[in-house]
């Protein structure tokens, strides 16, 4: 009997390990191997649902210079990202993306990007951006998280640790509100559970690096990122912005970004504004 239990256990581990290998992919640019246990199509579908629900309950800025700038910057970076992946035959990475860029009236300094390219800026982050270049820093960073599928990794972890490893469809059916809250937390949106799932250092490093690359490809100056993070770090010394709760800024991070600037500049478009 013990022998049969051992065989069954080893068999279960083999199935699990095989499934993980099957769902292993490589993050663009960095080459890091990642395991996303959830189908990206399901993540995008859930993202659209929560994105629309959020906009239904939050004042959306529909006109004005700042709103137009959010759409302009988002459009430029999205186009640069799409062109790169198309030129490098990696269109599958953006298979489910349908870009949208919104500005909402909220004093919290925050921004996020849902799977599928649904980007929301809060008016509270704009003073830290200061201008179009600063906005490109935040836009590139958040788009980078979505392109790298960091939210899928965090949601996978939440299902494993918090919900016993049940499938997403089962979680939605049996624990709809809790699943929604974990999903929102996985993308840096305030959760009623009082929990924000922090990005790992690997995720943050990737978002920093990809964000620099994306804004550079769109014709912005990657050096602007150093100024932005220094401003944000200084503000954190007085009253930590919401943006810093999941995006820790420190001297090492800024040093790493400065060291990465030469690599980011290699993606500078030939014709930029």
C-alpha atoms as a PDB file:
ATOM      1  CA  UNK A   1       0.000   0.000   0.000  1.00  0.00           C
ATOM      2  CA  UNK A   2       2.799   2.395   0.914  1.00  0.00           C
ATOM      3  CA  UNK A   3       4.506   1.475  -2.354  1.00  0.00           C
ATOM      4  CA  UNK A   4       1.356   2.334  -4.318  1.00  0.00           C
ATOM      5  CA  UNK A   5       1.027   5.624  -2.460  1.00  0.00           C
ATOM      6  CA  UNK A   6       4.607   6.411  -3.347  1.00  0.00           C
ATOM      7  CA  UNK A   7       4.004   5.618  -7.008  1.00  0.00           C
ATOM      8  CA  UNK A   8       0.856   7.732  -7.039  1.00  0.00           C
ATOM      9  CA  UNK A   9       2.644  10.642  -5.360  1.00  0.00           C
ATOM     10  CA  UNK A  10       5.548  10.481  -7.786  1.00  0.00           C
ATOM     11  CA  UNK A  11       3.087  10.264 -10.674  1.00  0.00           C
ATOM     12  CA  UNK A  12       1.211  13.330  -9.440  1.00  0.00           C
ATOM     13  CA  UNK A  13       4.448  15.260  -9.121  1.00  0.00           C
ATOM     14  CA  UNK A  14       5.411  14.227 -12.643  1.00  0.00           C
ATOM     15  CA  UNK A  15       2.092  15.451 -14.026  1.00  0.00           C
ATOM     16  CA  UNK A  16       2.412  18.727 -12.132  1.00  0.00           C
ATOM     17  CA  UNK A  17       6.019  19.187 -13.218  1.00  0.00           C
ATOM     18  CA  UNK A  18       5.126  18.405 -16.827  1.00  0.00           C
ATOM     19  CA  UNK A  19       2.312  20.953 -16.718  1.00  0.00           C
ATOM     20  CA  UNK A  20       4.649  23.595 -15.342  1.00  0.00           C
ATOM     21  CA  UNK A  21       7.218  22.892 -18.049  1.00  0.00           C
ATOM     22  CA  UNK A  22       4.498  23.105 -20.697  1.00  0.00           C
ATOM     23  CA  UNK A  23       3.510  26.544 -19.423  1.00  0.00           C
ATOM     24  CA  UNK A  24       7.053  27.841 -19.133  1.00  0.00           C
ATOM     25  CA  UNK A  25       7.890  30.802 -21.352  1.00  0.00           C
ATOM     26  CA  UNK A  26      10.650  33.380 -21.757  1.00  0.00           C
ATOM     27  CA  UNK A  27      10.292  37.051 -20.882  1.00  0.00           C
ATOM     28  CA  UNK A  28      11.205  39.230 -23.895  1.00  0.00           C
ATOM     29  CA  UNK A  29      14.476  41.181 -23.733  1.00  0.00           C
ATOM     30  CA  UNK A  30      15.611  39.750 -20.369  1.00  0.00           C
ATOM     31  CA  UNK A  31      15.413  36.062 -21.255  1.00  0.00           C
ATOM     32  CA  UNK A  32      14.137  35.097 -17.804  1.00  0.00           C
ATOM     33  CA  UNK A  33      12.163  31.853 -17.704  1.00  0.00           C
ATOM     34  CA  UNK A  34       8.746  32.258 -16.145  1.00  0.00           C
ATOM     35  CA  UNK A  35       5.867  29.973 -15.233  1.00  0.00           C
ATOM     36  CA  UNK A  36       2.352  31.328 -15.783  1.00  0.00           C
ATOM     37  CA  UNK A  37      -0.163  28.700 -14.725  1.00  0.00           C
ATOM     38  CA  UNK A  38      -3.177  30.620 -16.051  1.00  0.00           C
ATOM     39  CA  UNK A  39      -4.175  30.895 -19.722  1.00  0.00           C
ATOM     40  CA  UNK A  40      -3.512  34.455 -20.876  1.00  0.00           C
ATOM     41  CA  UNK A  41      -6.896  34.513 -22.633  1.00  0.00           C
ATOM     42  CA  UNK A  42      -8.607  33.997 -19.264  1.00  0.00           C
ATOM     43  CA  UNK A  43      -6.484  36.690 -17.654  1.00  0.00           C
ATOM     44  CA  UNK A  44      -7.390  39.159 -20.406  1.00  0.00           C
ATOM     45  CA  UNK A  45     -11.087  38.315 -20.159  1.00  0.00           C
ATOM     46  CA  UNK A  46     -11.047  38.817 -16.412  1.00  0.00           C
ATOM     47  CA  UNK A  47      -8.999  41.977 -16.883  1.00  0.00           C
ATOM     48  CA  UNK A  48     -11.542  43.513 -19.242  1.00  0.00           C
ATOM     49  CA  UNK A  49     -14.381  42.728 -16.840  1.00  0.00           C
ATOM     50  CA  UNK A  50     -12.621  44.300 -13.847  1.00  0.00           C
ATOM     51  CA  UNK A  51     -11.360  47.226 -15.922  1.00  0.00           C
ATOM     52  CA  UNK A  52     -14.886  48.122 -17.020  1.00  0.00           C
ATOM     53  CA  UNK A  53     -16.243  47.666 -13.498  1.00  0.00           C
ATOM     54  CA  UNK A  54     -13.539  49.995 -12.183  1.00  0.00           C
ATOM     55  CA  UNK A  55     -14.371  52.688 -14.752  1.00  0.00           C
ATOM     56  CA  UNK A  56     -18.070  52.390 -13.902  1.00  0.00           C
ATOM     57  CA  UNK A  57     -17.342  53.351 -10.299  1.00  0.00           C
ATOM     58  CA  UNK A  58     -14.539  55.892 -10.790  1.00  0.00           C
ATOM     59  CA  UNK A  59     -14.802  59.385 -12.362  1.00  0.00           C
ATOM     60  CA  UNK A  60     -13.139  59.244 -15.781  1.00  0.00           C
ATOM     61  CA  UNK A  61     -11.505  62.379 -17.189  1.00  0.00           C
ATOM     62  CA  UNK A  62     -12.903  62.672 -20.721  1.00  0.00           C
ATOM     63  CA  UNK A  63     -11.309  65.896 -21.918  1.00  0.00           C
ATOM     64  CA  UNK A  64      -8.473  68.290 -21.276  1.00  0.00           C
ATOM     65  CA  UNK A  65      -4.732  68.482 -21.932  1.00  0.00           C
ATOM     66  CA  UNK A  66      -3.756  65.843 -19.387  1.00  0.00           C
ATOM     67  CA  UNK A  67      -6.280  63.321 -20.683  1.00  0.00           C
ATOM     68  CA  UNK A  68      -5.107  63.895 -24.249  1.00  0.00           C
ATOM     69  CA  UNK A  69      -1.490  63.480 -23.166  1.00  0.00           C
ATOM     70  CA  UNK A  70      -2.173  60.138 -21.488  1.00  0.00           C
ATOM     71  CA  UNK A  71      -3.655  58.845 -24.740  1.00  0.00           C
ATOM     72  CA  UNK A  72      -0.847  60.342 -26.827  1.00  0.00           C
ATOM     73  CA  UNK A  73       1.945  58.846 -24.737  1.00  0.00           C
ATOM     74  CA  UNK A  74       0.189  55.509 -24.427  1.00  0.00           C
ATOM     75  CA  UNK A  75      -0.451  55.349 -28.154  1.00  0.00           C
ATOM     76  CA  UNK A  76       3.179  56.115 -29.016  1.00  0.00           C
ATOM     77  CA  UNK A  77       4.615  53.503 -26.672  1.00  0.00           C
ATOM     78  CA  UNK A  78       2.042  50.869 -27.646  1.00  0.00           C
ATOM     79  CA  UNK A  79       2.812  51.424 -31.332  1.00  0.00           C
ATOM     80  CA  UNK A  80       6.548  51.113 -30.688  1.00  0.00           C
ATOM     81  CA  UNK A  81       6.037  47.868 -28.759  1.00  0.00           C
ATOM     82  CA  UNK A  82       3.775  46.406 -31.448  1.00  0.00           C
ATOM     83  CA  UNK A  83       6.212  47.339 -34.217  1.00  0.00           C
ATOM     84  CA  UNK A  84       9.090  45.713 -32.381  1.00  0.00           C
ATOM     85  CA  UNK A  85       7.274  42.437 -31.762  1.00  0.00           C
ATOM     86  CA  UNK A  86       5.965  42.367 -35.324  1.00  0.00           C
ATOM     87  CA  UNK A  87       9.430  42.979 -36.763  1.00  0.00           C
ATOM     88  CA  UNK A  88      10.817  40.173 -34.587  1.00  0.00           C
ATOM     89  CA  UNK A  89       8.038  37.645 -35.318  1.00  0.00           C
ATOM     90  CA  UNK A  90       6.823  37.645 -31.702  1.00  0.00           C
ATOM     91  CA  UNK A  91       3.245  38.764 -32.296  1.00  0.00           C
ATOM     92  CA  UNK A  92       1.917  35.961 -30.078  1.00  0.00           C
ATOM     93  CA  UNK A  93       3.104  37.908 -27.036  1.00  0.00           C
ATOM     94  CA  UNK A  94       0.530  40.609 -27.825  1.00  0.00           C
ATOM     95  CA  UNK A  95      -2.115  38.253 -29.183  1.00  0.00           C
ATOM     96  CA  UNK A  96      -4.903  39.461 -26.882  1.00  0.00           C
ATOM     97  CA  UNK A  97      -3.905  43.123 -26.600  1.00  0.00           C
ATOM     98  CA  UNK A  98      -6.451  45.805 -27.437  1.00  0.00           C
ATOM     99  CA  UNK A  99      -4.985  49.036 -26.110  1.00  0.00           C
ATOM    100  CA  UNK A 100      -6.976  51.597 -24.133  1.00  0.00           C
ATOM    101  CA  UNK A 101      -5.667  54.531 -22.080  1.00  0.00           C
ATOM    102  CA  UNK A 102      -7.747  56.272 -19.441  1.00  0.00           C
ATOM    103  CA  UNK A 103      -7.201  59.033 -16.905  1.00  0.00           C
ATOM    104  CA  UNK A 104      -9.345  58.877 -13.767  1.00  0.00           C
ATOM    105  CA  UNK A 105      -9.977  61.503 -11.095  1.00  0.00           C
ATOM    106  CA  UNK A 106      -8.286  60.114  -8.003  1.00  0.00           C
ATOM    107  CA  UNK A 107      -5.748  61.810  -5.738  1.00  0.00           C
ATOM    108  CA  UNK A 108      -3.908  58.537  -5.089  1.00  0.00           C
ATOM    109  CA  UNK A 109      -0.561  58.518  -6.965  1.00  0.00           C
ATOM    110  CA  UNK A 110      -1.008  55.339  -8.951  1.00  0.00           C
ATOM    111  CA  UNK A 111      -1.160  53.784 -12.407  1.00  0.00           C
ATOM    112  CA  UNK A 112      -1.622  50.257 -13.697  1.00  0.00           C
ATOM    113  CA  UNK A 113      -2.001  48.181 -16.840  1.00  0.00           C
ATOM    114  CA  UNK A 114      -4.372  45.241 -17.059  1.00  0.00           C
ATOM    115  CA  UNK A 115      -3.549  42.203 -19.222  1.00  0.00           C
ATOM    116  CA  UNK A 116      -4.527  43.035 -22.768  1.00  0.00           C
ATOM    117  CA  UNK A 117      -3.264  46.629 -22.579  1.00  0.00           C
ATOM    118  CA  UNK A 118      -5.928  48.399 -20.498  1.00  0.00           C
ATOM    119  CA  UNK A 119      -3.990  51.285 -18.915  1.00  0.00           C
ATOM    120  CA  UNK A 120      -5.300  53.621 -16.217  1.00  0.00           C
ATOM    121  CA  UNK A 121      -3.523  56.703 -14.851  1.00  0.00           C
ATOM    122  CA  UNK A 122      -4.725  58.400 -11.682  1.00  0.00           C
ATOM    123  CA  UNK A 123      -4.586  62.203 -11.585  1.00  0.00           C
ATOM    124  CA  UNK A 124      -2.603  61.828  -8.363  1.00  0.00           C
ATOM    125  CA  UNK A 125       0.449  60.524 -10.259  1.00  0.00           C
ATOM    126  CA  UNK A 126       0.581  63.486 -12.660  1.00  0.00           C
ATOM    127  CA  UNK A 127       2.415  65.912 -10.325  1.00  0.00           C
ATOM    128  CA  UNK A 128       5.236  63.369 -10.090  1.00  0.00           C
ATOM    129  CA  UNK A 129       5.309  62.935 -13.871  1.00  0.00           C
ATOM    130  CA  UNK A 130       5.438  66.728 -14.403  1.00  0.00           C
ATOM    131  CA  UNK A 131       5.532  66.463 -18.208  1.00  0.00           C
ATOM    132  CA  UNK A 132       5.217  64.135 -21.204  1.00  0.00           C
ATOM    133  CA  UNK A 133       8.622  62.571 -20.562  1.00  0.00           C
ATOM    134  CA  UNK A 134       7.715  61.729 -16.982  1.00  0.00           C
ATOM    135  CA  UNK A 135       4.419  60.297 -18.123  1.00  0.00           C
ATOM    136  CA  UNK A 136       6.318  58.100 -20.603  1.00  0.00           C
ATOM    137  CA  UNK A 137       8.356  56.686 -17.714  1.00  0.00           C
ATOM    138  CA  UNK A 138       5.245  55.535 -15.859  1.00  0.00           C
ATOM    139  CA  UNK A 139       3.514  54.374 -19.049  1.00  0.00           C
ATOM    140  CA  UNK A 140       6.511  52.336 -20.170  1.00  0.00           C
ATOM    141  CA  UNK A 141       6.925  50.776 -16.732  1.00  0.00           C
ATOM    142  CA  UNK A 142       3.287  49.711 -16.447  1.00  0.00           C
ATOM    143  CA  UNK A 143       3.075  48.430 -20.019  1.00  0.00           C
ATOM    144  CA  UNK A 144       6.243  46.463 -19.309  1.00  0.00           C
ATOM    145  CA  UNK A 145       4.548  44.661 -16.415  1.00  0.00           C
ATOM    146  CA  UNK A 146       1.699  43.642 -18.746  1.00  0.00           C
ATOM    147  CA  UNK A 147       3.923  42.579 -21.653  1.00  0.00           C
ATOM    148  CA  UNK A 148       6.088  40.544 -19.264  1.00  0.00           C
ATOM    149  CA  UNK A 149       2.917  38.968 -17.785  1.00  0.00           C
ATOM    150  CA  UNK A 150       3.959  39.650 -14.216  1.00  0.00           C
ATOM    151  CA  UNK A 151       0.328  39.775 -13.082  1.00  0.00           C
ATOM    152  CA  UNK A 152      -0.217  36.230 -14.329  1.00  0.00           C
ATOM    153  CA  UNK A 153       2.706  35.065 -12.220  1.00  0.00           C
ATOM    154  CA  UNK A 154       1.365  36.825  -9.128  1.00  0.00           C
ATOM    155  CA  UNK A 155      -2.192  35.595  -9.675  1.00  0.00           C
ATOM    156  CA  UNK A 156      -0.876  32.060 -10.158  1.00  0.00           C
ATOM    157  CA  UNK A 157       0.900  32.361  -6.832  1.00  0.00           C
ATOM    158  CA  UNK A 158      -2.227  33.681  -5.136  1.00  0.00           C
ATOM    159  CA  UNK A 159      -4.286  30.749  -6.389  1.00  0.00           C
ATOM    160  CA  UNK A 160      -1.661  28.299  -5.195  1.00  0.00           C
ATOM    161  CA  UNK A 161      -1.028  29.846  -1.788  1.00  0.00           C
ATOM    162  CA  UNK A 162      -4.354  31.447  -0.873  1.00  0.00           C
ATOM    163  CA  UNK A 163      -6.837  29.166  -2.607  1.00  0.00           C
ATOM    164  CA  UNK A 164      -5.179  25.785  -2.474  1.00  0.00           C
ATOM    165  CA  UNK A 165      -4.207  25.615  -6.129  1.00  0.00           C
ATOM    166  CA  UNK A 166      -7.728  25.451  -7.562  1.00  0.00           C
ATOM    167  CA  UNK A 167      -8.312  26.387 -11.192  1.00  0.00           C
ATOM    168  CA  UNK A 168      -9.193  29.994 -11.999  1.00  0.00           C
ATOM    169  CA  UNK A 169     -12.606  28.997 -13.364  1.00  0.00           C
ATOM    170  CA  UNK A 170     -13.379  27.132 -10.124  1.00  0.00           C
ATOM    171  CA  UNK A 171     -12.165  30.054  -8.025  1.00  0.00           C
ATOM    172  CA  UNK A 172     -14.395  32.468  -9.954  1.00  0.00           C
ATOM    173  CA  UNK A 173     -17.374  30.125  -9.515  1.00  0.00           C
ATOM    174  CA  UNK A 174     -16.860  29.270  -5.837  1.00  0.00           C
ATOM    175  CA  UNK A 175     -15.202  32.452  -4.518  1.00  0.00           C
ATOM    176  CA  UNK A 176     -16.057  35.198  -7.012  1.00  0.00           C
ATOM    177  CA  UNK A 177     -15.491  38.223  -4.768  1.00  0.00           C
ATOM    178  CA  UNK A 178     -12.295  36.912  -3.209  1.00  0.00           C
ATOM    179  CA  UNK A 179     -10.932  35.959  -6.633  1.00  0.00           C
ATOM    180  CA  UNK A 180     -11.753  39.416  -7.975  1.00  0.00           C
ATOM    181  CA  UNK A 181      -9.975  41.074  -5.056  1.00  0.00           C
ATOM    182  CA  UNK A 182      -6.862  38.938  -5.508  1.00  0.00           C
ATOM    183  CA  UNK A 183      -6.882  39.721  -9.206  1.00  0.00           C
ATOM    184  CA  UNK A 184      -7.123  43.460  -8.586  1.00  0.00           C
ATOM    185  CA  UNK A 185      -4.375  43.240  -5.974  1.00  0.00           C
ATOM    186  CA  UNK A 186      -2.170  41.356  -8.432  1.00  0.00           C
ATOM    187  CA  UNK A 187      -2.263  44.396 -10.714  1.00  0.00           C
ATOM    188  CA  UNK A 188      -1.599  47.001  -8.035  1.00  0.00           C
ATOM    189  CA  UNK A 189      -5.196  48.144  -7.557  1.00  0.00           C
ATOM    190  CA  UNK A 190      -6.295  48.736  -3.963  1.00  0.00           C
ATOM    191  CA  UNK A 191      -7.950  45.631  -2.587  1.00  0.00           C
ATOM    192  CA  UNK A 192     -10.718  45.520   0.004  1.00  0.00           C
ATOM    193  CA  UNK A 193      -8.802  42.606   1.479  1.00  0.00           C
ATOM    194  CA  UNK A 194      -6.195  45.154   2.519  1.00  0.00           C
ATOM    195  CA  UNK A 195      -3.563  43.238   0.558  1.00  0.00           C
ATOM    196  CA  UNK A 196      -1.308  44.321  -2.266  1.00  0.00           C
ATOM    197  CA  UNK A 197       0.743  41.533  -3.789  1.00  0.00           C
ATOM    198  CA  UNK A 198       4.206  43.071  -4.118  1.00  0.00           C
ATOM    199  CA  UNK A 199       6.123  42.624  -7.322  1.00  0.00           C
ATOM    200  CA  UNK A 200       9.302  40.648  -6.806  1.00  0.00           C
ATOM    201  CA  UNK A 201      12.709  42.213  -7.331  1.00  0.00           C
ATOM    202  CA  UNK A 202      12.965  40.256 -10.600  1.00  0.00           C
ATOM    203  CA  UNK A 203       9.635  41.706 -11.766  1.00  0.00           C
ATOM    204  CA  UNK A 204      10.632  45.232 -10.831  1.00  0.00           C
ATOM    205  CA  UNK A 205      14.008  44.962 -12.517  1.00  0.00           C
ATOM    206  CA  UNK A 206      12.337  43.666 -15.677  1.00  0.00           C
ATOM    207  CA  UNK A 207       9.724  46.426 -15.643  1.00  0.00           C
ATOM    208  CA  UNK A 208      12.441  49.036 -15.140  1.00  0.00           C
ATOM    209  CA  UNK A 209      14.518  47.689 -18.012  1.00  0.00           C
ATOM    210  CA  UNK A 210      11.652  47.021 -20.421  1.00  0.00           C
ATOM    211  CA  UNK A 211      10.105  50.365 -19.530  1.00  0.00           C
ATOM    212  CA  UNK A 212      13.321  52.173 -20.459  1.00  0.00           C
ATOM    213  CA  UNK A 213      13.474  50.250 -23.732  1.00  0.00           C
ATOM    214  CA  UNK A 214       9.825  50.900 -24.599  1.00  0.00           C
ATOM    215  CA  UNK A 215       9.955  54.653 -23.954  1.00  0.00           C
ATOM    216  CA  UNK A 216      13.215  54.905 -25.908  1.00  0.00           C
ATOM    217  CA  UNK A 217      11.748  53.046 -28.883  1.00  0.00           C
ATOM    218  CA  UNK A 218       8.855  55.515 -28.806  1.00  0.00           C
ATOM    219  CA  UNK A 219      11.225  58.482 -29.093  1.00  0.00           C
ATOM    220  CA  UNK A 220      11.436  59.545 -25.438  1.00  0.00           C
ATOM    221  CA  UNK A 221      14.618  60.073 -23.429  1.00  0.00           C
ATOM    222  CA  UNK A 222      15.367  57.211 -21.017  1.00  0.00           C
ATOM    223  CA  UNK A 223      17.345  59.596 -18.780  1.00  0.00           C
ATOM    224  CA  UNK A 224      13.968  61.036 -17.761  1.00  0.00           C
ATOM    225  CA  UNK A 225      13.345  57.865 -15.777  1.00  0.00           C
ATOM    226  CA  UNK A 226      16.170  58.703 -13.388  1.00  0.00           C
ATOM    227  CA  UNK A 227      14.665  62.125 -12.647  1.00  0.00           C
ATOM    228  CA  UNK A 228      11.201  60.626 -12.146  1.00  0.00           C
ATOM    229  CA  UNK A 229      12.308  57.923  -9.698  1.00  0.00           C
ATOM    230  CA  UNK A 230      14.437  60.390  -7.765  1.00  0.00           C
ATOM    231  CA  UNK A 231      11.410  62.687  -7.402  1.00  0.00           C
ATOM    232  CA  UNK A 232       9.255  59.773  -6.312  1.00  0.00           C
ATOM    233  CA  UNK A 233      11.842  58.541  -3.824  1.00  0.00           C
ATOM    234  CA  UNK A 234      12.134  62.036  -2.332  1.00  0.00           C
ATOM    235  CA  UNK A 235       8.351  62.275  -2.003  1.00  0.00           C
ATOM    236  CA  UNK A 236       8.317  58.889  -0.288  1.00  0.00           C
ATOM    237  CA  UNK A 237      10.468  60.318   2.495  1.00  0.00           C
ATOM    238  CA  UNK A 238       7.616  62.633   3.485  1.00  0.00           C
ATOM    239  CA  UNK A 239       4.474  60.734   2.557  1.00  0.00           C
ATOM    240  CA  UNK A 240       4.913  57.466   0.631  1.00  0.00           C
ATOM    241  CA  UNK A 241       2.801  57.554  -2.545  1.00  0.00           C
ATOM    242  CA  UNK A 242       0.597  54.563  -3.367  1.00  0.00           C
ATOM    243  CA  UNK A 243       2.850  53.999  -6.372  1.00  0.00           C
ATOM    244  CA  UNK A 244       5.725  53.182  -4.000  1.00  0.00           C
ATOM    245  CA  UNK A 245       3.756  50.511  -2.147  1.00  0.00           C
ATOM    246  CA  UNK A 246       4.300  48.123  -5.015  1.00  0.00           C
ATOM    247  CA  UNK A 247       7.128  49.946  -6.784  1.00  0.00           C
ATOM    248  CA  UNK A 248       9.915  50.351  -4.208  1.00  0.00           C
ATOM    249  CA  UNK A 249      12.425  53.015  -5.139  1.00  0.00           C
ATOM    250  CA  UNK A 250      15.916  53.060  -3.627  1.00  0.00           C
ATOM    251  CA  UNK A 251      19.480  54.062  -4.450  1.00  0.00           C
ATOM    252  CA  UNK A 252      20.377  50.643  -5.823  1.00  0.00           C
ATOM    253  CA  UNK A 253      17.417  50.698  -8.159  1.00  0.00           C
ATOM    254  CA  UNK A 254      18.373  54.075  -9.566  1.00  0.00           C
ATOM    255  CA  UNK A 255      21.997  52.954  -9.920  1.00  0.00           C
ATOM    256  CA  UNK A 256      20.841  49.861 -11.813  1.00  0.00           C
ATOM    257  CA  UNK A 257      18.733  51.984 -14.141  1.00  0.00           C
ATOM    258  CA  UNK A 258      21.642  54.323 -14.816  1.00  0.00           C
ATOM    259  CA  UNK A 259      23.801  51.305 -15.649  1.00  0.00           C
ATOM    260  CA  UNK A 260      21.127  50.013 -18.054  1.00  0.00           C
ATOM    261  CA  UNK A 261      20.774  53.284 -19.971  1.00  0.00           C
ATOM    262  CA  UNK A 262      23.389  52.408 -22.662  1.00  0.00           C
ATOM    263  CA  UNK A 263      21.477  49.225 -23.518  1.00  0.00           C
ATOM    264  CA  UNK A 264      18.171  51.090 -23.656  1.00  0.00           C
ATOM    265  CA  UNK A 265      19.624  53.694 -26.008  1.00  0.00           C
ATOM    266  CA  UNK A 266      20.399  50.969 -28.562  1.00  0.00           C
ATOM    267  CA  UNK A 267      16.659  50.832 -29.275  1.00  0.00           C
ATOM    268  CA  UNK A 268      16.486  54.546 -30.087  1.00  0.00           C
ATOM    269  CA  UNK A 269      14.373  54.947 -33.227  1.00  0.00           C
ATOM    270  CA  UNK A 270      16.086  56.389 -36.263  1.00  0.00           C
ATOM    271  CA  UNK A 271      13.344  58.977 -36.691  1.00  0.00           C
ATOM    272  CA  UNK A 272      12.023  60.270 -33.371  1.00  0.00           C
ATOM    273  CA  UNK A 273      10.329  63.454 -32.249  1.00  0.00           C
END
